[in-house]
Amino acid sequence: MNAAAPEVRRYADLETLSAAAAELVAAAARAASTERGRFSLALSGGGTPRRLYEMLAEKKLPWERVHLFWGDERCVPREDPASNYRLAREALFARAPLPPANIHPMPCDPAAAVEGAAAYEASLRVFFAGTDAAFDLVLLGLGSDGHTASLFPGEPTLDEPSRWVVSTPGLRASPPVPRLTLTYPALAASRGILLLAAGPRKKALVDAAARGGADFPAARARARGGALWMWSAAD
């Protein structure tokens, strides 16, 4: 891996991609738990990671040492189908023996999104205090417009220089509701990024990122340990 371009691995279908991703996440969880006593994973939303989460829940992991965070969240009720928390609950932590105290959802109230972002960042700073990095691994997705997490093209959040979590109105998103998102500084402080993308509509974006020099939000995501993109031809 290098700073100019992510490593890209290609798969025929989402099932094969998800199985490979689950192995990578599980290996990272075991290594971090052994080396540092815990594993911190930031989750993504959207439909692409669901099968990964289901497969990961079946793994024999040191679940008592696994901590789940979120890369972004829509400010909707947690039972709403658009909730990233709901996706992760249904597919992952409702199926795995994860201690409730190890689940760290974003507090996304549409009437207090700015305050929620500040509170979540404060909790991250406390959790990672005294360590040399933030998340062990950040899972990301890829929108058809090139966005990742809730970092959308042309929005001021792309230029945030220091904060780890910010709010965004989400006017270009679907659904168009306020959101919280990790920023580039938070991603850069993490040990690694694993980005999942599926379907022919994403191929041009993946190819552009692999060549280096692409200028859309996902392509700008960096981590101290590098970024691995996994793309499947079928979604």
C-alpha atoms as a PDB file:
ATOM      1  CA  MET A   1       0.000   0.000   0.000  1.00  0.00           C
ATOM      2  CA  ASN A   2       1.112   3.592  -0.541  1.00  0.00           C
ATOM      3  CA  ALA A   3      -0.108   7.085   0.143  1.00  0.00           C
ATOM      4  CA  ALA A   4      -1.126   7.690  -3.451  1.00  0.00           C
ATOM      5  CA  ALA A   5      -3.534   4.809  -3.946  1.00  0.00           C
ATOM      6  CA  PRO A   6      -5.256   2.094  -1.942  1.00  0.00           C
ATOM      7  CA  GLU A   7      -4.683  -1.584  -2.537  1.00  0.00           C
ATOM      8  CA  VAL A   8      -7.666  -3.007  -4.440  1.00  0.00           C
ATOM      9  CA  ARG A   9      -8.829  -6.622  -4.408  1.00  0.00           C
ATOM     10  CA  ARG A  10     -11.569  -7.740  -6.771  1.00  0.00           C
ATOM     11  CA  TYR A  11     -14.169 -10.478  -6.320  1.00  0.00           C
ATOM     12  CA  ALA A  12     -16.836 -12.063  -8.475  1.00  0.00           C
ATOM     13  CA  ASP A  13     -19.683 -11.594  -6.009  1.00  0.00           C
ATOM     14  CA  LEU A  14     -20.580 -10.076  -2.672  1.00  0.00           C
ATOM     15  CA  GLU A  15     -20.682 -13.433  -0.874  1.00  0.00           C
ATOM     16  CA  THR A  16     -17.058 -14.155  -1.726  1.00  0.00           C
ATOM     17  CA  LEU A  17     -16.023 -10.608  -0.859  1.00  0.00           C
ATOM     18  CA  SER A  18     -17.845 -10.774   2.481  1.00  0.00           C
ATOM     19  CA  ALA A  19     -16.182 -14.051   3.430  1.00  0.00           C
ATOM     20  CA  ALA A  20     -12.744 -12.642   2.658  1.00  0.00           C
ATOM     21  CA  ALA A  21     -13.502  -9.438   4.559  1.00  0.00           C
ATOM     22  CA  ALA A  22     -14.760 -11.380   7.578  1.00  0.00           C
ATOM     23  CA  GLU A  23     -11.475 -13.290   7.699  1.00  0.00           C
ATOM     24  CA  LEU A  24      -9.504 -10.047   7.568  1.00  0.00           C
ATOM     25  CA  VAL A  25     -11.547  -8.405  10.324  1.00  0.00           C
ATOM     26  CA  ALA A  26     -11.359 -11.514  12.498  1.00  0.00           C
ATOM     27  CA  ALA A  27      -7.595 -11.703  12.076  1.00  0.00           C
ATOM     28  CA  ALA A  28      -7.270  -8.020  12.989  1.00  0.00           C
ATOM     29  CA  ALA A  29      -9.456  -8.541  16.054  1.00  0.00           C
ATOM     30  CA  ARG A  30      -7.368 -11.450  17.297  1.00  0.00           C
ATOM     31  CA  ALA A  31      -4.085  -9.648  16.687  1.00  0.00           C
ATOM     32  CA  ALA A  32      -5.169  -6.408  18.385  1.00  0.00           C
ATOM     33  CA  SER A  33      -6.618  -8.289  21.363  1.00  0.00           C
ATOM     34  CA  THR A  34      -3.340 -10.134  21.830  1.00  0.00           C
ATOM     35  CA  GLU A  35      -1.075  -7.143  21.271  1.00  0.00           C
ATOM     36  CA  ARG A  36      -3.065  -4.364  22.934  1.00  0.00           C
ATOM     37  CA  GLY A  37      -5.782  -6.062  24.972  1.00  0.00           C
ATOM     38  CA  ARG A  38      -8.716  -4.829  22.888  1.00  0.00           C
ATOM     39  CA  PHE A  39      -9.932  -4.330  19.323  1.00  0.00           C
ATOM     40  CA  SER A  40     -11.707  -1.161  18.225  1.00  0.00           C
ATOM     41  CA  LEU A  41     -13.776  -1.370  15.048  1.00  0.00           C
ATOM     42  CA  ALA A  42     -15.701   1.479  13.405  1.00  0.00           C
ATOM     43  CA  LEU A  43     -18.670   0.160  11.438  1.00  0.00           C
ATOM     44  CA  SER A  44     -20.144   1.391   8.175  1.00  0.00           C
ATOM     45  CA  GLY A  45     -23.767   1.463   7.080  1.00  0.00           C
ATOM     46  CA  GLY A  46     -25.575   0.724   3.842  1.00  0.00           C
ATOM     47  CA  GLY A  47     -26.483  -2.702   2.551  1.00  0.00           C
ATOM     48  CA  THR A  48     -23.034  -3.873   1.437  1.00  0.00           C
ATOM     49  CA  PRO A  49     -21.583  -4.826   4.873  1.00  0.00           C
ATOM     50  CA  ARG A  50     -24.632  -6.786   6.105  1.00  0.00           C
ATOM     51  CA  ARG A  51     -23.339 -10.170   4.985  1.00  0.00           C
ATOM     52  CA  LEU A  52     -19.891  -9.380   6.396  1.00  0.00           C
ATOM     53  CA  TYR A  53     -21.490  -8.628   9.764  1.00  0.00           C
ATOM     54  CA  GLU A  54     -23.476 -11.873   9.692  1.00  0.00           C
ATOM     55  CA  MET A  55     -20.355 -13.882   8.933  1.00  0.00           C
ATOM     56  CA  LEU A  56     -18.313 -12.040  11.538  1.00  0.00           C
ATOM     57  CA  ALA A  57     -20.910 -12.824  14.205  1.00  0.00           C
ATOM     58  CA  GLU A  58     -20.289 -16.527  13.595  1.00  0.00           C
ATOM     59  CA  LYS A  59     -16.552 -16.245  14.267  1.00  0.00           C
ATOM     60  CA  LYS A  60     -15.000 -17.370  17.524  1.00  0.00           C
ATOM     61  CA  LEU A  61     -13.456 -14.114  18.639  1.00  0.00           C
ATOM     62  CA  PRO A  62     -12.447 -12.611  21.992  1.00  0.00           C
ATOM     63  CA  TRP A  63     -15.742 -10.725  21.972  1.00  0.00           C
ATOM     64  CA  GLU A  64     -15.231  -9.379  25.486  1.00  0.00           C
ATOM     65  CA  ARG A  65     -12.312  -7.373  24.044  1.00  0.00           C
ATOM     66  CA  VAL A  66     -14.103  -6.130  20.914  1.00  0.00           C
ATOM     67  CA  HIS A  67     -15.448  -2.565  20.916  1.00  0.00           C
ATOM     68  CA  LEU A  68     -17.816  -1.366  18.206  1.00  0.00           C
ATOM     69  CA  PHE A  69     -18.067   2.241  17.066  1.00  0.00           C
ATOM     70  CA  TRP A  70     -19.648   3.856  14.016  1.00  0.00           C
ATOM     71  CA  GLY A  71     -18.120   5.730  11.104  1.00  0.00           C
ATOM     72  CA  ASP A  72     -21.318   7.683  10.538  1.00  0.00           C
ATOM     73  CA  GLU A  73     -24.979   7.697  11.460  1.00  0.00           C
ATOM     74  CA  ARG A  74     -28.209   9.095  10.146  1.00  0.00           C
ATOM     75  CA  CYS A  75     -30.221  11.071  12.690  1.00  0.00           C
ATOM     76  CA  VAL A  76     -33.228   8.777  12.628  1.00  0.00           C
ATOM     77  CA  PRO A  77     -34.730   6.589  15.374  1.00  0.00           C
ATOM     78  CA  ARG A  78     -32.676   3.466  16.015  1.00  0.00           C
ATOM     79  CA  GLU A  79     -35.581   1.292  14.852  1.00  0.00           C
ATOM     80  CA  ASP A  80     -35.745   3.109  11.508  1.00  0.00           C
ATOM     81  CA  PRO A  81     -34.666   0.992   8.506  1.00  0.00           C
ATOM     82  CA  ALA A  82     -32.183   3.751   7.591  1.00  0.00           C
ATOM     83  CA  SER A  83     -30.369   3.482  10.939  1.00  0.00           C
ATOM     84  CA  ASN A  84     -26.808   2.190  10.745  1.00  0.00           C
ATOM     85  CA  TYR A  85     -27.148   1.128  14.373  1.00  0.00           C
ATOM     86  CA  ARG A  86     -30.130  -1.045  13.484  1.00  0.00           C
ATOM     87  CA  LEU A  87     -28.223  -2.742  10.664  1.00  0.00           C
ATOM     88  CA  ALA A  88     -25.303  -3.588  12.941  1.00  0.00           C
ATOM     89  CA  ARG A  89     -27.593  -4.792  15.729  1.00  0.00           C
ATOM     90  CA  GLU A  90     -29.602  -7.105  13.484  1.00  0.00           C
ATOM     91  CA  ALA A  91     -26.639  -8.514  11.571  1.00  0.00           C
ATOM     92  CA  LEU A  92     -23.847  -8.474  14.161  1.00  0.00           C
ATOM     93  CA  PHE A  93     -24.165  -7.770  17.832  1.00  0.00           C
ATOM     94  CA  ALA A  94     -27.579  -9.363  18.349  1.00  0.00           C
ATOM     95  CA  ARG A  95     -25.911 -12.592  17.159  1.00  0.00           C
ATOM     96  CA  ALA A  96     -22.543 -12.357  18.911  1.00  0.00           C
ATOM     97  CA  PRO A  97     -21.730 -12.457  22.660  1.00  0.00           C
ATOM     98  CA  LEU A  98     -20.623  -8.853  22.776  1.00  0.00           C
ATOM     99  CA  PRO A  99     -20.892  -7.058  26.158  1.00  0.00           C
ATOM    100  CA  PRO A 100     -23.363  -4.151  25.942  1.00  0.00           C
ATOM    101  CA  ALA A 101     -20.727  -1.829  27.412  1.00  0.00           C
ATOM    102  CA  ASN A 102     -18.572  -2.505  24.347  1.00  0.00           C
ATOM    103  CA  ILE A 103     -21.132  -1.011  21.960  1.00  0.00           C
ATOM    104  CA  HIS A 104     -20.623   2.722  21.380  1.00  0.00           C
ATOM    105  CA  PRO A 105     -23.363   4.164  19.116  1.00  0.00           C
ATOM    106  CA  MET A 106     -23.394   7.720  17.854  1.00  0.00           C
ATOM    107  CA  PRO A 107     -25.903   9.975  19.693  1.00  0.00           C
ATOM    108  CA  CYS A 108     -27.616  11.365  16.604  1.00  0.00           C
ATOM    109  CA  ASP A 109     -30.540  13.627  17.532  1.00  0.00           C
ATOM    110  CA  PRO A 110     -31.584  15.751  14.537  1.00  0.00           C
ATOM    111  CA  ALA A 111     -32.317  18.669  16.864  1.00  0.00           C
ATOM    112  CA  ALA A 112     -28.876  18.464  18.476  1.00  0.00           C
ATOM    113  CA  ALA A 113     -26.547  17.032  15.855  1.00  0.00           C
ATOM    114  CA  VAL A 114     -23.734  19.489  16.600  1.00  0.00           C
ATOM    115  CA  GLU A 115     -23.845  18.633  20.293  1.00  0.00           C
ATOM    116  CA  GLY A 116     -23.985  14.918  19.462  1.00  0.00           C
ATOM    117  CA  ALA A 117     -20.865  15.179  17.318  1.00  0.00           C
ATOM    118  CA  ALA A 118     -18.987  16.950  20.117  1.00  0.00           C
ATOM    119  CA  ALA A 119     -20.107  14.360  22.670  1.00  0.00           C
ATOM    120  CA  TYR A 120     -19.078  11.433  20.489  1.00  0.00           C
ATOM    121  CA  GLU A 121     -15.687  12.947  19.786  1.00  0.00           C
ATOM    122  CA  ALA A 122     -15.163  13.536  23.504  1.00  0.00           C
ATOM    123  CA  SER A 123     -15.968   9.885  24.201  1.00  0.00           C
ATOM    124  CA  LEU A 124     -13.494   8.780  21.525  1.00  0.00           C
ATOM    125  CA  ARG A 125     -10.754  10.995  22.920  1.00  0.00           C
ATOM    126  CA  VAL A 126     -11.280   9.437  26.355  1.00  0.00           C
ATOM    127  CA  PHE A 127     -11.379   5.884  24.995  1.00  0.00           C
ATOM    128  CA  PHE A 128      -8.159   6.313  23.030  1.00  0.00           C
ATOM    129  CA  ALA A 129      -6.321   8.471  25.580  1.00  0.00           C
ATOM    130  CA  GLY A 130      -2.799   7.245  26.167  1.00  0.00           C
ATOM    131  CA  THR A 131      -2.678   5.181  22.963  1.00  0.00           C
ATOM    132  CA  ASP A 132      -0.694   5.870  19.815  1.00  0.00           C
ATOM    133  CA  ALA A 133      -3.642   5.561  17.425  1.00  0.00           C
ATOM    134  CA  ALA A 134      -7.396   5.671  17.184  1.00  0.00           C
ATOM    135  CA  PHE A 135      -9.408   2.785  15.720  1.00  0.00           C
ATOM    136  CA  ASP A 136      -7.695  -0.479  14.934  1.00  0.00           C
ATOM    137  CA  LEU A 137      -9.867  -0.763  11.840  1.00  0.00           C
ATOM    138  CA  VAL A 138     -12.432   1.452  10.108  1.00  0.00           C
ATOM    139  CA  LEU A 139     -14.960  -0.107   7.754  1.00  0.00           C
ATOM    140  CA  LEU A 140     -16.114   2.206   4.986  1.00  0.00           C
ATOM    141  CA  GLY A 141     -18.492   2.053   2.059  1.00  0.00           C
ATOM    142  CA  LEU A 142     -18.572   3.794  -1.296  1.00  0.00           C
ATOM    143  CA  GLY A 143     -21.455   5.854  -2.641  1.00  0.00           C
ATOM    144  CA  SER A 144     -22.152   6.218  -6.339  1.00  0.00           C
ATOM    145  CA  ASP A 145     -21.119   9.885  -6.013  1.00  0.00           C
ATOM    146  CA  GLY A 146     -17.799   8.884  -4.439  1.00  0.00           C
ATOM    147  CA  HIS A 147     -18.764   9.658  -0.841  1.00  0.00           C
ATOM    148  CA  THR A 148     -17.725   7.524   2.097  1.00  0.00           C
ATOM    149  CA  ALA A 149     -19.084   7.590   5.655  1.00  0.00           C
ATOM    150  CA  SER A 150     -21.022  10.889   5.453  1.00  0.00           C
ATOM    151  CA  LEU A 151     -18.239  12.770   3.699  1.00  0.00           C
ATOM    152  CA  PHE A 152     -20.018  14.063   0.608  1.00  0.00           C
ATOM    153  CA  PRO A 153     -18.554  15.867  -2.401  1.00  0.00           C
ATOM    154  CA  GLY A 154     -18.409  19.636  -2.058  1.00  0.00           C
ATOM    155  CA  GLU A 155     -19.301  19.801   1.643  1.00  0.00           C
ATOM    156  CA  PRO A 156     -17.291  21.742   4.261  1.00  0.00           C
ATOM    157  CA  THR A 157     -16.731  18.541   6.274  1.00  0.00           C
ATOM    158  CA  LEU A 158     -14.076  17.554   3.718  1.00  0.00           C
ATOM    159  CA  ASP A 159     -11.873  20.427   4.887  1.00  0.00           C
ATOM    160  CA  GLU A 160     -12.146  19.793   8.636  1.00  0.00           C
ATOM    161  CA  PRO A 161      -8.543  20.043   9.883  1.00  0.00           C
ATOM    162  CA  SER A 162      -8.647  18.585  13.398  1.00  0.00           C
ATOM    163  CA  ARG A 163     -11.994  17.428  14.763  1.00  0.00           C
ATOM    164  CA  TRP A 164     -12.699  13.701  14.687  1.00  0.00           C
ATOM    165  CA  VAL A 165     -16.504  13.901  14.484  1.00  0.00           C
ATOM    166  CA  VAL A 166     -18.717  16.514  12.868  1.00  0.00           C
ATOM    167  CA  SER A 167     -22.349  16.906  11.907  1.00  0.00           C
ATOM    168  CA  THR A 168     -23.592  17.476   8.392  1.00  0.00           C
ATOM    169  CA  PRO A 169     -27.068  18.498   7.189  1.00  0.00           C
ATOM    170  CA  GLY A 170     -27.167  15.495   4.872  1.00  0.00           C
ATOM    171  CA  LEU A 171     -29.043  17.406   2.169  1.00  0.00           C
ATOM    172  CA  ARG A 172     -27.259  15.471  -0.583  1.00  0.00           C
ATOM    173  CA  ALA A 173     -27.831  12.134   1.126  1.00  0.00           C
ATOM    174  CA  SER A 174     -30.636   9.605   1.052  1.00  0.00           C
ATOM    175  CA  PRO A 175     -32.630  10.055   3.182  1.00  0.00           C
ATOM    176  CA  PRO A 176     -31.877  13.815   3.451  1.00  0.00           C
ATOM    177  CA  VAL A 177     -31.551  13.979   7.253  1.00  0.00           C
ATOM    178  CA  PRO A 178     -28.770  15.324   9.493  1.00  0.00           C
ATOM    179  CA  ARG A 179     -25.869  12.959  10.055  1.00  0.00           C
ATOM    180  CA  LEU A 180     -22.786  12.521  12.190  1.00  0.00           C
ATOM    181  CA  THR A 181     -19.571  11.382  10.571  1.00  0.00           C
ATOM    182  CA  LEU A 182     -15.960  10.653  11.268  1.00  0.00           C
ATOM    183  CA  THR A 183     -13.609  13.079   9.541  1.00  0.00           C
ATOM    184  CA  TYR A 184     -10.395  12.627   7.599  1.00  0.00           C
ATOM    185  CA  PRO A 185      -8.314  13.384  10.743  1.00  0.00           C
ATOM    186  CA  ALA A 186     -10.076  10.542  12.579  1.00  0.00           C
ATOM    187  CA  LEU A 187      -9.498   8.175   9.669  1.00  0.00           C
ATOM    188  CA  ALA A 188      -5.854   9.234   9.422  1.00  0.00           C
ATOM    189  CA  ALA A 189      -5.365   8.446  13.115  1.00  0.00           C
ATOM    190  CA  SER A 190      -6.643   4.892  12.684  1.00  0.00           C
ATOM    191  CA  ARG A 191      -4.474   1.838  12.076  1.00  0.00           C
ATOM    192  CA  GLY A 192      -6.280   0.733   8.934  1.00  0.00           C
ATOM    193  CA  ILE A 193      -9.200   1.201   6.556  1.00  0.00           C
ATOM    194  CA  LEU A 194     -11.197  -1.542   4.869  1.00  0.00           C
ATOM    195  CA  LEU A 195     -13.545  -0.175   2.211  1.00  0.00           C
ATOM    196  CA  LEU A 196     -16.229  -2.420   0.684  1.00  0.00           C
ATOM    197  CA  ALA A 197     -17.887  -1.664  -2.653  1.00  0.00           C
ATOM    198  CA  ALA A 198     -20.152  -3.760  -4.838  1.00  0.00           C
ATOM    199  CA  GLY A 199     -21.697  -3.591  -8.272  1.00  0.00           C
ATOM    200  CA  PRO A 200     -20.822  -2.340 -11.740  1.00  0.00           C
ATOM    201  CA  ARG A 201     -21.782   1.269 -10.931  1.00  0.00           C
ATOM    202  CA  LYS A 202     -18.849   1.475  -8.508  1.00  0.00           C
ATOM    203  CA  LYS A 203     -16.251  -0.001 -10.865  1.00  0.00           C
ATOM    204  CA  ALA A 204     -15.127   3.296 -12.417  1.00  0.00           C
ATOM    205  CA  LEU A 205     -14.612   4.825  -8.975  1.00  0.00           C
ATOM    206  CA  VAL A 206     -12.647   1.818  -7.761  1.00  0.00           C
ATOM    207  CA  ASP A 207     -10.494   1.834 -10.888  1.00  0.00           C
ATOM    208  CA  ALA A 208      -9.799   5.553 -10.503  1.00  0.00           C
ATOM    209  CA  ALA A 209      -8.789   5.131  -6.868  1.00  0.00           C
ATOM    210  CA  ALA A 210      -6.492   2.226  -7.739  1.00  0.00           C
ATOM    211  CA  ARG A 211      -4.660   4.357 -10.306  1.00  0.00           C
ATOM    212  CA  GLY A 212      -3.997   7.063  -7.706  1.00  0.00           C
ATOM    213  CA  GLY A 213      -4.705  10.754  -7.830  1.00  0.00           C
ATOM    214  CA  ALA A 214      -8.499  10.401  -7.770  1.00  0.00           C
ATOM    215  CA  ASP A 215     -10.232  13.357  -6.123  1.00  0.00           C
ATOM    216  CA  PHE A 216     -13.510  12.167  -4.661  1.00  0.00           C
ATOM    217  CA  PRO A 217     -14.151  11.810  -0.900  1.00  0.00           C
ATOM    218  CA  ALA A 218     -13.564   8.060  -0.568  1.00  0.00           C
ATOM    219  CA  ALA A 219     -10.288   8.237  -2.489  1.00  0.00           C
ATOM    220  CA  ARG A 220      -8.973  10.807  -0.027  1.00  0.00           C
ATOM    221  CA  ALA A 221      -9.475   8.548   3.002  1.00  0.00           C
ATOM    222  CA  ARG A 222      -6.127   7.599   4.529  1.00  0.00           C
ATOM    223  CA  ALA A 223      -5.035   5.581   7.550  1.00  0.00           C
ATOM    224  CA  ARG A 224      -1.607   5.214   9.093  1.00  0.00           C
ATOM    225  CA  GLY A 225      -1.599   1.500   8.219  1.00  0.00           C
ATOM    226  CA  GLY A 226      -3.008   1.972   4.729  1.00  0.00           C
ATOM    227  CA  ALA A 227      -6.321   1.362   3.024  1.00  0.00           C
ATOM    228  CA  LEU A 228      -7.571  -1.824   1.412  1.00  0.00           C
ATOM    229  CA  TRP A 229     -10.498  -1.641  -1.006  1.00  0.00           C
ATOM    230  CA  MET A 230     -12.536  -4.754  -1.759  1.00  0.00           C
ATOM    231  CA  TRP A 231     -14.868  -4.634  -4.762  1.00  0.00           C
ATOM    232  CA  SER A 232     -17.250  -7.258  -6.097  1.00  0.00           C
ATOM    233  CA  ALA A 233     -18.551  -7.213  -9.652  1.00  0.00           C
ATOM    234  CA  ALA A 234     -22.013  -8.287  -8.483  1.00  0.00           C
ATOM    235  CA  ASP A 235     -23.936  -6.480  -5.768  1.00  0.00           C
END
